[in-house]
Amino acid sequence: MKYLPLLWANLNRKRLRTSLTLASIVIAFLLFGMLRALQTALTGSADLAGVDRLITMHKVSFIQSLPLSYLNRIRGVEGVRAAGSSSWFGGIYQEDRNQLAVFATEPENFFELYTEYDLPADQREAWFADRASAIVGFGLAEKFGWKVGQIIPVRSNIFTKKDGGNVW
C-alpha cells in the first residue's frame, strides 16, 4: 500500500501517455471480443452439424441448386453413409418482415441425415404422406400461434406455382 501514492502520482504526471495506454488496452480487448464473436458466428454451423456431416452448395449461391446428378455421385463416394438434397425456398409469412428459413427437401432420408430432429411417429407419417406439409420448430409455432395440421400460406419471391401465384 505504500507504493500506491507513488503509482498514482506517476499516472497523473503524464496524463496523455496514461490515456493512450489505457485506450490501447481497451481497444485490444474490444477487438479480441469482436473477433471471437465473428469466429463463433462463422464456425457455429460447423459445431451444430458435427464432425461427421458435410454440407455442399453451389459456388454461386445457396439459392442456386447443384445438379441432381451430383447426388448419386456423392452417394457413390467411399465413406459416405447418406446424402440428400434440399433447396432454399425463401418463404415469407403474411408480411415481408416475417421471413422464414424454408427448405424443400426429400422426406425419405431427412431423419437419417438430421438425427437431432425428434418428431412423433404420427406426425412423421403425416409429413411423408403430404408433399405440401412442413416441419416447424416449437418457437416459430408459438410465435405465430400455429397448430399441428393447420394450413399456413407461405409466399416465395423465388419460386412460382404453375398458375403464376407465389403463395404455397
N, C-alpha and C. Protein backbone atom coordinates (compact mmCIF):
# COMPACT_ATOMS: atom_id res chain seq x y z
N MET A 1 0.82 -1.19 0.00
CA MET A 1 0.00 0.00 0.00
C MET A 1 0.86 1.26 0.00
N LYS A 2 2.15 1.14 0.40
CA LYS A 2 2.97 2.35 0.47
C LYS A 2 3.36 2.85 -0.92
N TYR A 3 3.24 1.99 -1.96
CA TYR A 3 3.60 2.41 -3.31
C TYR A 3 2.40 2.98 -4.08
N LEU A 4 1.21 2.86 -3.54
CA LEU A 4 0.03 3.34 -4.23
C LEU A 4 0.07 4.84 -4.51
N PRO A 5 0.46 5.69 -3.56
CA PRO A 5 0.56 7.13 -3.89
C PRO A 5 1.61 7.41 -4.97
N LEU A 6 2.71 6.66 -4.97
CA LEU A 6 3.73 6.85 -5.99
C LEU A 6 3.20 6.45 -7.37
N LEU A 7 2.48 5.34 -7.42
CA LEU A 7 1.87 4.90 -8.67
C LEU A 7 0.86 5.93 -9.17
N TRP A 8 0.03 6.42 -8.30
CA TRP A 8 -0.97 7.43 -8.67
C TRP A 8 -0.30 8.71 -9.17
N ALA A 9 0.76 9.10 -8.54
CA ALA A 9 1.48 10.32 -8.96
C ALA A 9 2.08 10.14 -10.35
N ASN A 10 2.64 8.98 -10.63
CA ASN A 10 3.23 8.74 -11.95
C ASN A 10 2.15 8.65 -13.04
N LEU A 11 1.00 8.10 -12.71
CA LEU A 11 -0.09 8.05 -13.68
C LEU A 11 -0.60 9.45 -14.02
N ASN A 12 -0.64 10.32 -13.03
CA ASN A 12 -1.11 11.69 -13.25
C ASN A 12 -0.05 12.60 -13.84
N ARG A 13 1.22 12.20 -13.79
CA ARG A 13 2.30 13.05 -14.28
C ARG A 13 2.22 13.24 -15.79
N LYS A 14 1.99 12.19 -16.52
CA LYS A 14 1.86 12.24 -17.99
C LYS A 14 0.47 11.71 -18.35
N ARG A 15 -0.51 12.60 -18.30
CA ARG A 15 -1.90 12.17 -18.50
C ARG A 15 -2.15 11.68 -19.92
N LEU A 16 -1.52 12.30 -20.91
CA LEU A 16 -1.72 11.87 -22.30
C LEU A 16 -1.20 10.44 -22.49
N ARG A 17 -0.02 10.16 -21.95
CA ARG A 17 0.55 8.81 -22.06
C ARG A 17 -0.35 7.79 -21.35
N THR A 18 -0.84 8.14 -20.18
CA THR A 18 -1.72 7.25 -19.43
C THR A 18 -3.01 7.00 -20.19
N SER A 19 -3.59 8.06 -20.76
CA SER A 19 -4.84 7.93 -21.51
C SER A 19 -4.65 7.06 -22.75
N LEU A 20 -3.56 7.28 -23.48
CA LEU A 20 -3.30 6.48 -24.68
C LEU A 20 -3.04 5.02 -24.34
N THR A 21 -2.33 4.77 -23.25
CA THR A 21 -2.07 3.40 -22.82
C THR A 21 -3.37 2.69 -22.46
N LEU A 22 -4.21 3.36 -21.67
CA LEU A 22 -5.50 2.76 -21.30
C LEU A 22 -6.39 2.56 -22.53
N ALA A 23 -6.38 3.53 -23.45
CA ALA A 23 -7.19 3.40 -24.66
C ALA A 23 -6.72 2.22 -25.50
N SER A 24 -5.41 2.02 -25.61
CA SER A 24 -4.90 0.89 -26.40
C SER A 24 -5.28 -0.45 -25.75
N ILE A 25 -5.29 -0.52 -24.44
CA ILE A 25 -5.69 -1.75 -23.75
C ILE A 25 -7.17 -2.03 -23.97
N VAL A 26 -8.00 -0.98 -23.86
CA VAL A 26 -9.44 -1.14 -24.07
C VAL A 26 -9.72 -1.57 -25.51
N ILE A 27 -9.05 -0.94 -26.48
CA ILE A 27 -9.24 -1.29 -27.89
C ILE A 27 -8.81 -2.74 -28.15
N ALA A 28 -7.72 -3.16 -27.52
CA ALA A 28 -7.25 -4.54 -27.70
C ALA A 28 -8.30 -5.53 -27.20
N PHE A 29 -8.90 -5.27 -26.05
CA PHE A 29 -9.92 -6.17 -25.53
C PHE A 29 -11.19 -6.14 -26.39
N LEU A 30 -11.57 -4.95 -26.87
CA LEU A 30 -12.73 -4.86 -27.75
C LEU A 30 -12.51 -5.63 -29.05
N LEU A 31 -11.33 -5.47 -29.65
CA LEU A 31 -11.02 -6.21 -30.87
C LEU A 31 -11.03 -7.71 -30.63
N PHE A 32 -10.46 -8.13 -29.51
CA PHE A 32 -10.45 -9.55 -29.19
C PHE A 32 -11.87 -10.08 -29.07
N GLY A 33 -12.72 -9.36 -28.35
CA GLY A 33 -14.11 -9.79 -28.18
C GLY A 33 -14.86 -9.84 -29.49
N MET A 34 -14.68 -8.83 -30.34
CA MET A 34 -15.38 -8.81 -31.63
C MET A 34 -14.88 -9.91 -32.56
N LEU A 35 -13.58 -10.16 -32.58
CA LEU A 35 -13.05 -11.21 -33.44
C LEU A 35 -13.47 -12.60 -32.97
N ARG A 36 -13.56 -12.80 -31.66
CA ARG A 36 -14.04 -14.09 -31.14
C ARG A 36 -15.51 -14.29 -31.50
N ALA A 37 -16.30 -13.20 -31.43
CA ALA A 37 -17.71 -13.30 -31.82
C ALA A 37 -17.84 -13.62 -33.30
N LEU A 38 -17.00 -13.01 -34.13
CA LEU A 38 -17.02 -13.29 -35.57
C LEU A 38 -16.62 -14.74 -35.84
N GLN A 39 -15.60 -15.22 -35.15
CA GLN A 39 -15.18 -16.61 -35.33
C GLN A 39 -16.30 -17.57 -34.93
N THR A 40 -16.96 -17.29 -33.84
CA THR A 40 -18.07 -18.14 -33.39
C THR A 40 -19.21 -18.12 -34.40
N ALA A 41 -19.50 -16.94 -34.95
CA ALA A 41 -20.57 -16.83 -35.94
C ALA A 41 -20.24 -17.60 -37.21
N LEU A 42 -18.98 -17.57 -37.63
CA LEU A 42 -18.60 -18.23 -38.87
C LEU A 42 -18.44 -19.74 -38.72
N THR A 43 -18.12 -20.21 -37.53
CA THR A 43 -17.93 -21.65 -37.34
C THR A 43 -19.05 -22.29 -36.54
N GLY A 44 -20.07 -21.52 -36.18
CA GLY A 44 -21.17 -22.05 -35.37
C GLY A 44 -21.92 -23.17 -36.06
N SER A 45 -22.15 -23.04 -37.36
CA SER A 45 -22.88 -24.08 -38.08
C SER A 45 -22.08 -25.37 -38.16
N ALA A 46 -20.75 -25.25 -38.17
CA ALA A 46 -19.92 -26.46 -38.19
C ALA A 46 -20.06 -27.21 -36.87
N ASP A 47 -20.18 -26.48 -35.77
CA ASP A 47 -20.36 -27.14 -34.49
C ASP A 47 -21.73 -27.81 -34.42
N LEU A 48 -22.75 -27.16 -35.00
CA LEU A 48 -24.08 -27.73 -34.99
C LEU A 48 -24.15 -28.99 -35.85
N ALA A 49 -23.54 -28.92 -37.00
CA ALA A 49 -23.60 -30.04 -37.93
C ALA A 49 -22.80 -31.24 -37.43
N GLY A 50 -21.76 -31.01 -36.69
CA GLY A 50 -20.94 -32.09 -36.20
C GLY A 50 -19.78 -32.39 -37.13
N VAL A 51 -18.87 -33.22 -36.64
CA VAL A 51 -17.67 -33.50 -37.41
C VAL A 51 -17.91 -34.52 -38.52
N ASP A 52 -19.02 -35.22 -38.48
CA ASP A 52 -19.27 -36.25 -39.49
C ASP A 52 -20.31 -35.83 -40.52
N ARG A 53 -20.58 -34.54 -40.63
CA ARG A 53 -21.57 -34.06 -41.59
C ARG A 53 -20.93 -33.01 -42.49
N LEU A 54 -21.11 -33.18 -43.78
CA LEU A 54 -20.56 -32.25 -44.76
C LEU A 54 -21.71 -31.71 -45.60
N ILE A 55 -21.80 -30.39 -45.70
CA ILE A 55 -22.85 -29.75 -46.49
C ILE A 55 -22.18 -29.08 -47.68
N THR A 56 -22.66 -29.38 -48.88
CA THR A 56 -22.12 -28.76 -50.08
C THR A 56 -23.19 -27.90 -50.71
N MET A 57 -22.74 -26.85 -51.40
CA MET A 57 -23.68 -25.97 -52.09
C MET A 57 -23.04 -25.43 -53.35
N HIS A 58 -23.85 -24.84 -54.17
CA HIS A 58 -23.40 -24.26 -55.43
C HIS A 58 -22.42 -23.13 -55.14
N LYS A 59 -21.43 -22.97 -56.00
CA LYS A 59 -20.41 -21.94 -55.76
C LYS A 59 -20.95 -20.53 -55.93
N VAL A 60 -22.05 -20.36 -56.64
CA VAL A 60 -22.61 -19.03 -56.86
C VAL A 60 -23.40 -18.56 -55.64
N SER A 61 -24.33 -19.40 -55.16
CA SER A 61 -25.20 -19.02 -54.05
C SER A 61 -25.91 -20.26 -53.53
N PHE A 62 -26.36 -20.20 -52.28
CA PHE A 62 -27.10 -21.34 -51.76
C PHE A 62 -28.51 -21.41 -52.35
N ILE A 63 -28.94 -20.36 -53.04
CA ILE A 63 -30.23 -20.39 -53.73
C ILE A 63 -30.13 -21.26 -54.99
N GLN A 64 -28.98 -21.21 -55.63
CA GLN A 64 -28.73 -21.99 -56.85
C GLN A 64 -28.51 -23.46 -56.48
N SER A 65 -29.26 -24.35 -57.08
CA SER A 65 -29.16 -25.78 -56.75
C SER A 65 -28.01 -26.44 -57.50
N LEU A 66 -27.44 -27.46 -56.87
CA LEU A 66 -26.48 -28.31 -57.57
C LEU A 66 -27.24 -29.23 -58.52
N PRO A 67 -26.62 -29.69 -59.59
CA PRO A 67 -27.30 -30.66 -60.47
C PRO A 67 -27.64 -31.94 -59.69
N LEU A 68 -28.81 -32.50 -59.94
CA LEU A 68 -29.23 -33.71 -59.23
C LEU A 68 -28.33 -34.89 -59.52
N SER A 69 -27.61 -34.88 -60.65
CA SER A 69 -26.69 -35.98 -60.95
C SER A 69 -25.56 -36.04 -59.92
N TYR A 70 -25.25 -34.90 -59.29
CA TYR A 70 -24.20 -34.89 -58.27
C TYR A 70 -24.60 -35.71 -57.05
N LEU A 71 -25.90 -35.81 -56.78
CA LEU A 71 -26.37 -36.54 -55.60
C LEU A 71 -25.94 -38.00 -55.66
N ASN A 72 -26.13 -38.66 -56.80
CA ASN A 72 -25.70 -40.06 -56.94
C ASN A 72 -24.18 -40.18 -56.93
N ARG A 73 -23.49 -39.19 -57.47
CA ARG A 73 -22.02 -39.22 -57.44
C ARG A 73 -21.52 -39.09 -56.00
N ILE A 74 -22.16 -38.24 -55.21
CA ILE A 74 -21.78 -38.08 -53.80
C ILE A 74 -22.09 -39.35 -53.03
N ARG A 75 -23.24 -39.95 -53.29
CA ARG A 75 -23.61 -41.20 -52.61
C ARG A 75 -22.62 -42.32 -52.93
N GLY A 76 -21.98 -42.26 -54.10
CA GLY A 76 -21.03 -43.29 -54.51
C GLY A 76 -19.64 -43.12 -53.94
N VAL A 77 -19.37 -41.99 -53.29
CA VAL A 77 -18.04 -41.75 -52.71
C VAL A 77 -17.85 -42.66 -51.50
N GLU A 78 -16.67 -43.24 -51.39
CA GLU A 78 -16.37 -44.14 -50.28
C GLU A 78 -16.44 -43.37 -48.95
N GLY A 79 -17.11 -43.96 -47.98
CA GLY A 79 -17.24 -43.35 -46.66
C GLY A 79 -18.51 -42.54 -46.47
N VAL A 80 -19.23 -42.26 -47.53
CA VAL A 80 -20.48 -41.51 -47.43
C VAL A 80 -21.58 -42.47 -46.99
N ARG A 81 -22.19 -42.18 -45.85
CA ARG A 81 -23.24 -43.05 -45.31
C ARG A 81 -24.62 -42.67 -45.83
N ALA A 82 -24.85 -41.36 -46.02
CA ALA A 82 -26.16 -40.90 -46.51
C ALA A 82 -25.97 -39.55 -47.19
N ALA A 83 -26.81 -39.28 -48.16
CA ALA A 83 -26.77 -38.00 -48.87
C ALA A 83 -28.18 -37.63 -49.27
N GLY A 84 -28.47 -36.36 -49.27
CA GLY A 84 -29.79 -35.88 -49.66
C GLY A 84 -29.67 -34.49 -50.26
N SER A 85 -30.75 -34.03 -50.82
CA SER A 85 -30.73 -32.70 -51.41
C SER A 85 -31.82 -31.84 -50.78
N SER A 86 -31.59 -30.55 -50.79
CA SER A 86 -32.59 -29.60 -50.34
C SER A 86 -32.39 -28.30 -51.11
N SER A 87 -33.44 -27.52 -51.16
CA SER A 87 -33.39 -26.26 -51.89
C SER A 87 -34.02 -25.18 -51.03
N TRP A 88 -33.29 -24.07 -50.88
CA TRP A 88 -33.80 -22.95 -50.08
C TRP A 88 -34.98 -22.34 -50.80
N PHE A 89 -36.04 -22.08 -50.06
CA PHE A 89 -37.31 -21.66 -50.63
C PHE A 89 -37.54 -20.16 -50.52
N GLY A 90 -36.97 -19.51 -49.54
CA GLY A 90 -37.19 -18.08 -49.34
C GLY A 90 -38.61 -17.76 -48.95
N GLY A 91 -39.11 -18.41 -47.92
CA GLY A 91 -40.51 -18.26 -47.52
C GLY A 91 -40.79 -16.99 -46.74
N ILE A 92 -41.97 -16.42 -46.98
CA ILE A 92 -42.43 -15.22 -46.26
C ILE A 92 -43.84 -15.52 -45.77
N TYR A 93 -44.09 -15.25 -44.49
CA TYR A 93 -45.41 -15.49 -43.91
C TYR A 93 -46.11 -14.15 -43.68
N GLN A 94 -47.20 -13.91 -44.33
CA GLN A 94 -48.06 -12.74 -44.23
C GLN A 94 -47.38 -11.43 -44.63
N GLU A 95 -46.32 -11.03 -43.96
CA GLU A 95 -45.65 -9.75 -44.23
C GLU A 95 -44.19 -10.01 -44.57
N ASP A 96 -43.56 -9.06 -45.26
CA ASP A 96 -42.16 -9.22 -45.66
C ASP A 96 -41.22 -9.36 -44.47
N ARG A 97 -41.59 -8.80 -43.33
CA ARG A 97 -40.70 -8.89 -42.16
C ARG A 97 -40.73 -10.28 -41.52
N ASN A 98 -41.68 -11.12 -41.88
CA ASN A 98 -41.79 -12.48 -41.35
C ASN A 98 -41.15 -13.48 -42.30
N GLN A 99 -39.84 -13.36 -42.48
CA GLN A 99 -39.14 -14.28 -43.38
C GLN A 99 -38.82 -15.58 -42.64
N LEU A 100 -39.00 -16.67 -43.34
CA LEU A 100 -38.80 -18.00 -42.77
C LEU A 100 -37.67 -18.71 -43.50
N ALA A 101 -36.92 -19.51 -42.77
CA ALA A 101 -35.88 -20.35 -43.38
C ALA A 101 -36.56 -21.63 -43.85
N VAL A 102 -37.03 -21.64 -45.08
CA VAL A 102 -37.79 -22.76 -45.62
C VAL A 102 -36.93 -23.52 -46.62
N PHE A 103 -36.83 -24.83 -46.43
CA PHE A 103 -36.06 -25.68 -47.34
C PHE A 103 -36.96 -26.79 -47.86
N ALA A 104 -37.04 -26.91 -49.18
CA ALA A 104 -37.72 -28.05 -49.79
C ALA A 104 -36.72 -29.21 -49.78
N THR A 105 -37.14 -30.36 -49.28
CA THR A 105 -36.21 -31.47 -49.11
C THR A 105 -36.89 -32.81 -49.39
N GLU A 106 -36.10 -33.85 -49.41
CA GLU A 106 -36.62 -35.21 -49.59
C GLU A 106 -36.96 -35.79 -48.22
N PRO A 107 -38.22 -36.07 -47.94
CA PRO A 107 -38.56 -36.60 -46.62
C PRO A 107 -38.07 -38.02 -46.37
N GLU A 108 -37.80 -38.78 -47.44
CA GLU A 108 -37.45 -40.19 -47.28
C GLU A 108 -36.21 -40.39 -46.40
N ASN A 109 -35.19 -39.57 -46.59
CA ASN A 109 -33.97 -39.78 -45.80
C ASN A 109 -33.62 -38.57 -44.93
N PHE A 110 -34.57 -37.69 -44.71
CA PHE A 110 -34.32 -36.48 -43.92
C PHE A 110 -33.87 -36.82 -42.50
N PHE A 111 -34.56 -37.74 -41.86
CA PHE A 111 -34.24 -38.08 -40.46
C PHE A 111 -32.98 -38.93 -40.35
N GLU A 112 -32.56 -39.53 -41.43
CA GLU A 112 -31.28 -40.23 -41.45
C GLU A 112 -30.14 -39.21 -41.49
N LEU A 113 -30.37 -38.10 -42.19
CA LEU A 113 -29.34 -37.06 -42.29
C LEU A 113 -29.32 -36.16 -41.06
N TYR A 114 -30.48 -35.82 -40.55
CA TYR A 114 -30.59 -34.91 -39.41
C TYR A 114 -31.16 -35.67 -38.21
N THR A 115 -30.30 -36.39 -37.55
CA THR A 115 -30.73 -37.24 -36.44
C THR A 115 -31.15 -36.43 -35.21
N GLU A 116 -30.79 -35.16 -35.16
CA GLU A 116 -31.13 -34.34 -34.00
C GLU A 116 -32.60 -33.92 -33.98
N TYR A 117 -33.32 -34.10 -35.10
CA TYR A 117 -34.74 -33.78 -35.16
C TYR A 117 -35.54 -34.93 -34.55
N ASP A 118 -36.39 -34.60 -33.59
CA ASP A 118 -37.22 -35.60 -32.92
C ASP A 118 -38.68 -35.28 -33.23
N LEU A 119 -39.31 -36.13 -34.00
CA LEU A 119 -40.69 -35.91 -34.42
C LEU A 119 -41.50 -37.15 -34.09
N PRO A 120 -42.67 -36.98 -33.45
CA PRO A 120 -43.50 -38.16 -33.14
C PRO A 120 -43.85 -38.94 -34.41
N ALA A 121 -44.03 -40.23 -34.25
CA ALA A 121 -44.24 -41.13 -35.40
C ALA A 121 -45.46 -40.73 -36.23
N ASP A 122 -46.57 -40.33 -35.59
CA ASP A 122 -47.76 -39.96 -36.36
C ASP A 122 -47.53 -38.70 -37.19
N GLN A 123 -46.81 -37.73 -36.63
CA GLN A 123 -46.51 -36.51 -37.37
C GLN A 123 -45.51 -36.79 -38.49
N ARG A 124 -44.60 -37.69 -38.23
CA ARG A 124 -43.63 -38.08 -39.26
C ARG A 124 -44.34 -38.72 -40.45
N GLU A 125 -45.27 -39.63 -40.17
CA GLU A 125 -46.02 -40.29 -41.25
C GLU A 125 -46.88 -39.29 -42.01
N ALA A 126 -47.47 -38.32 -41.29
CA ALA A 126 -48.27 -37.29 -41.96
C ALA A 126 -47.39 -36.44 -42.87
N TRP A 127 -46.17 -36.16 -42.43
CA TRP A 127 -45.24 -35.37 -43.26
C TRP A 127 -44.85 -36.16 -44.52
N PHE A 128 -44.62 -37.46 -44.35
CA PHE A 128 -44.28 -38.30 -45.50
C PHE A 128 -45.44 -38.37 -46.50
N ALA A 129 -46.68 -38.39 -46.00
CA ALA A 129 -47.85 -38.58 -46.86
C ALA A 129 -48.22 -37.33 -47.66
N ASP A 130 -47.96 -36.15 -47.13
CA ASP A 130 -48.39 -34.90 -47.78
C ASP A 130 -47.18 -34.09 -48.22
N ARG A 131 -46.99 -33.95 -49.52
CA ARG A 131 -45.83 -33.22 -50.05
C ARG A 131 -45.88 -31.73 -49.73
N ALA A 132 -47.05 -31.20 -49.41
CA ALA A 132 -47.17 -29.77 -49.11
C ALA A 132 -47.02 -29.48 -47.63
N SER A 133 -46.73 -30.49 -46.83
CA SER A 133 -46.60 -30.28 -45.38
C SER A 133 -45.20 -29.82 -45.02
N ALA A 134 -45.05 -29.39 -43.77
CA ALA A 134 -43.77 -28.83 -43.32
C ALA A 134 -43.52 -29.22 -41.87
N ILE A 135 -42.25 -29.20 -41.50
CA ILE A 135 -41.84 -29.37 -40.10
C ILE A 135 -41.50 -27.98 -39.58
N VAL A 136 -42.09 -27.61 -38.46
CA VAL A 136 -41.88 -26.28 -37.88
C VAL A 136 -41.43 -26.45 -36.44
N GLY A 137 -40.46 -25.66 -36.01
CA GLY A 137 -39.97 -25.71 -34.64
C GLY A 137 -40.98 -25.14 -33.65
N PHE A 138 -40.81 -25.49 -32.37
CA PHE A 138 -41.73 -25.03 -31.33
C PHE A 138 -41.77 -23.51 -31.23
N GLY A 139 -40.59 -22.88 -31.28
CA GLY A 139 -40.52 -21.42 -31.13
C GLY A 139 -41.29 -20.69 -32.21
N LEU A 140 -41.13 -21.12 -33.44
CA LEU A 140 -41.82 -20.48 -34.56
C LEU A 140 -43.33 -20.73 -34.48
N ALA A 141 -43.71 -21.94 -34.10
CA ALA A 141 -45.14 -22.26 -33.97
C ALA A 141 -45.79 -21.42 -32.87
N GLU A 142 -45.10 -21.23 -31.77
CA GLU A 142 -45.63 -20.40 -30.68
C GLU A 142 -45.70 -18.94 -31.08
N LYS A 143 -44.69 -18.47 -31.80
CA LYS A 143 -44.63 -17.06 -32.21
C LYS A 143 -45.84 -16.68 -33.06
N PHE A 144 -46.21 -17.55 -33.99
CA PHE A 144 -47.32 -17.24 -34.90
C PHE A 144 -48.63 -17.92 -34.50
N GLY A 145 -48.63 -18.72 -33.44
CA GLY A 145 -49.84 -19.38 -32.98
C GLY A 145 -50.29 -20.52 -33.88
N TRP A 146 -49.36 -21.21 -34.50
CA TRP A 146 -49.68 -22.31 -35.41
C TRP A 146 -49.97 -23.58 -34.62
N LYS A 147 -50.84 -24.41 -35.16
CA LYS A 147 -51.18 -25.71 -34.57
C LYS A 147 -50.84 -26.81 -35.57
N VAL A 148 -50.67 -28.04 -35.07
CA VAL A 148 -50.39 -29.19 -35.93
C VAL A 148 -51.56 -29.41 -36.87
N GLY A 149 -51.26 -29.57 -38.16
CA GLY A 149 -52.29 -29.81 -39.17
C GLY A 149 -52.86 -28.55 -39.79
N GLN A 150 -52.52 -27.39 -39.26
CA GLN A 150 -53.04 -26.12 -39.79
C GLN A 150 -52.41 -25.81 -41.15
N ILE A 151 -53.18 -25.23 -42.05
CA ILE A 151 -52.66 -24.82 -43.35
C ILE A 151 -52.10 -23.41 -43.23
N ILE A 152 -50.83 -23.26 -43.54
CA ILE A 152 -50.12 -21.98 -43.42
C ILE A 152 -49.75 -21.50 -44.83
N PRO A 153 -50.25 -20.35 -45.27
CA PRO A 153 -49.85 -19.84 -46.59
C PRO A 153 -48.46 -19.21 -46.52
N VAL A 154 -47.53 -19.75 -47.27
CA VAL A 154 -46.16 -19.24 -47.32
C VAL A 154 -45.91 -18.71 -48.72
N ARG A 155 -45.44 -17.48 -48.79
CA ARG A 155 -45.18 -16.83 -50.07
C ARG A 155 -43.69 -16.92 -50.38
N SER A 156 -43.36 -17.07 -51.65
CA SER A 156 -41.97 -17.12 -52.07
C SER A 156 -41.77 -16.18 -53.25
N ASN A 157 -40.73 -15.36 -53.18
CA ASN A 157 -40.39 -14.48 -54.29
C ASN A 157 -39.45 -15.17 -55.28
N ILE A 158 -39.02 -16.37 -54.96
CA ILE A 158 -38.08 -17.10 -55.82
C ILE A 158 -38.83 -18.07 -56.73
N PHE A 159 -39.69 -18.89 -56.13
CA PHE A 159 -40.41 -19.91 -56.90
C PHE A 159 -41.87 -19.53 -57.07
N THR A 160 -42.41 -19.76 -58.26
CA THR A 160 -43.82 -19.52 -58.52
C THR A 160 -44.50 -20.84 -58.88
N LYS A 161 -45.80 -20.89 -58.66
CA LYS A 161 -46.57 -22.09 -59.00
C LYS A 161 -46.90 -22.07 -60.49
N LYS A 162 -47.41 -23.18 -60.98
CA LYS A 162 -47.75 -23.28 -62.40
C LYS A 162 -48.80 -22.26 -62.82
N ASP A 163 -49.69 -21.90 -61.88
CA ASP A 163 -50.74 -20.93 -62.21
C ASP A 163 -50.25 -19.48 -62.10
N GLY A 164 -48.96 -19.29 -61.78
CA GLY A 164 -48.39 -17.94 -61.69
C GLY A 164 -48.40 -17.35 -60.29
N GLY A 165 -49.09 -17.98 -59.36
CA GLY A 165 -49.13 -17.49 -57.98
C GLY A 165 -47.85 -17.80 -57.24
N ASN A 166 -47.62 -17.06 -56.15
CA ASN A 166 -46.41 -17.30 -55.37
C ASN A 166 -46.71 -17.71 -53.93
N VAL A 167 -47.98 -18.03 -53.63
CA VAL A 167 -48.36 -18.50 -52.30
C VAL A 167 -48.48 -20.01 -52.35
N TRP A 168 -47.73 -20.67 -51.49
CA TRP A 168 -47.70 -22.14 -51.48
C TRP A 168 -48.51 -22.67 -50.32
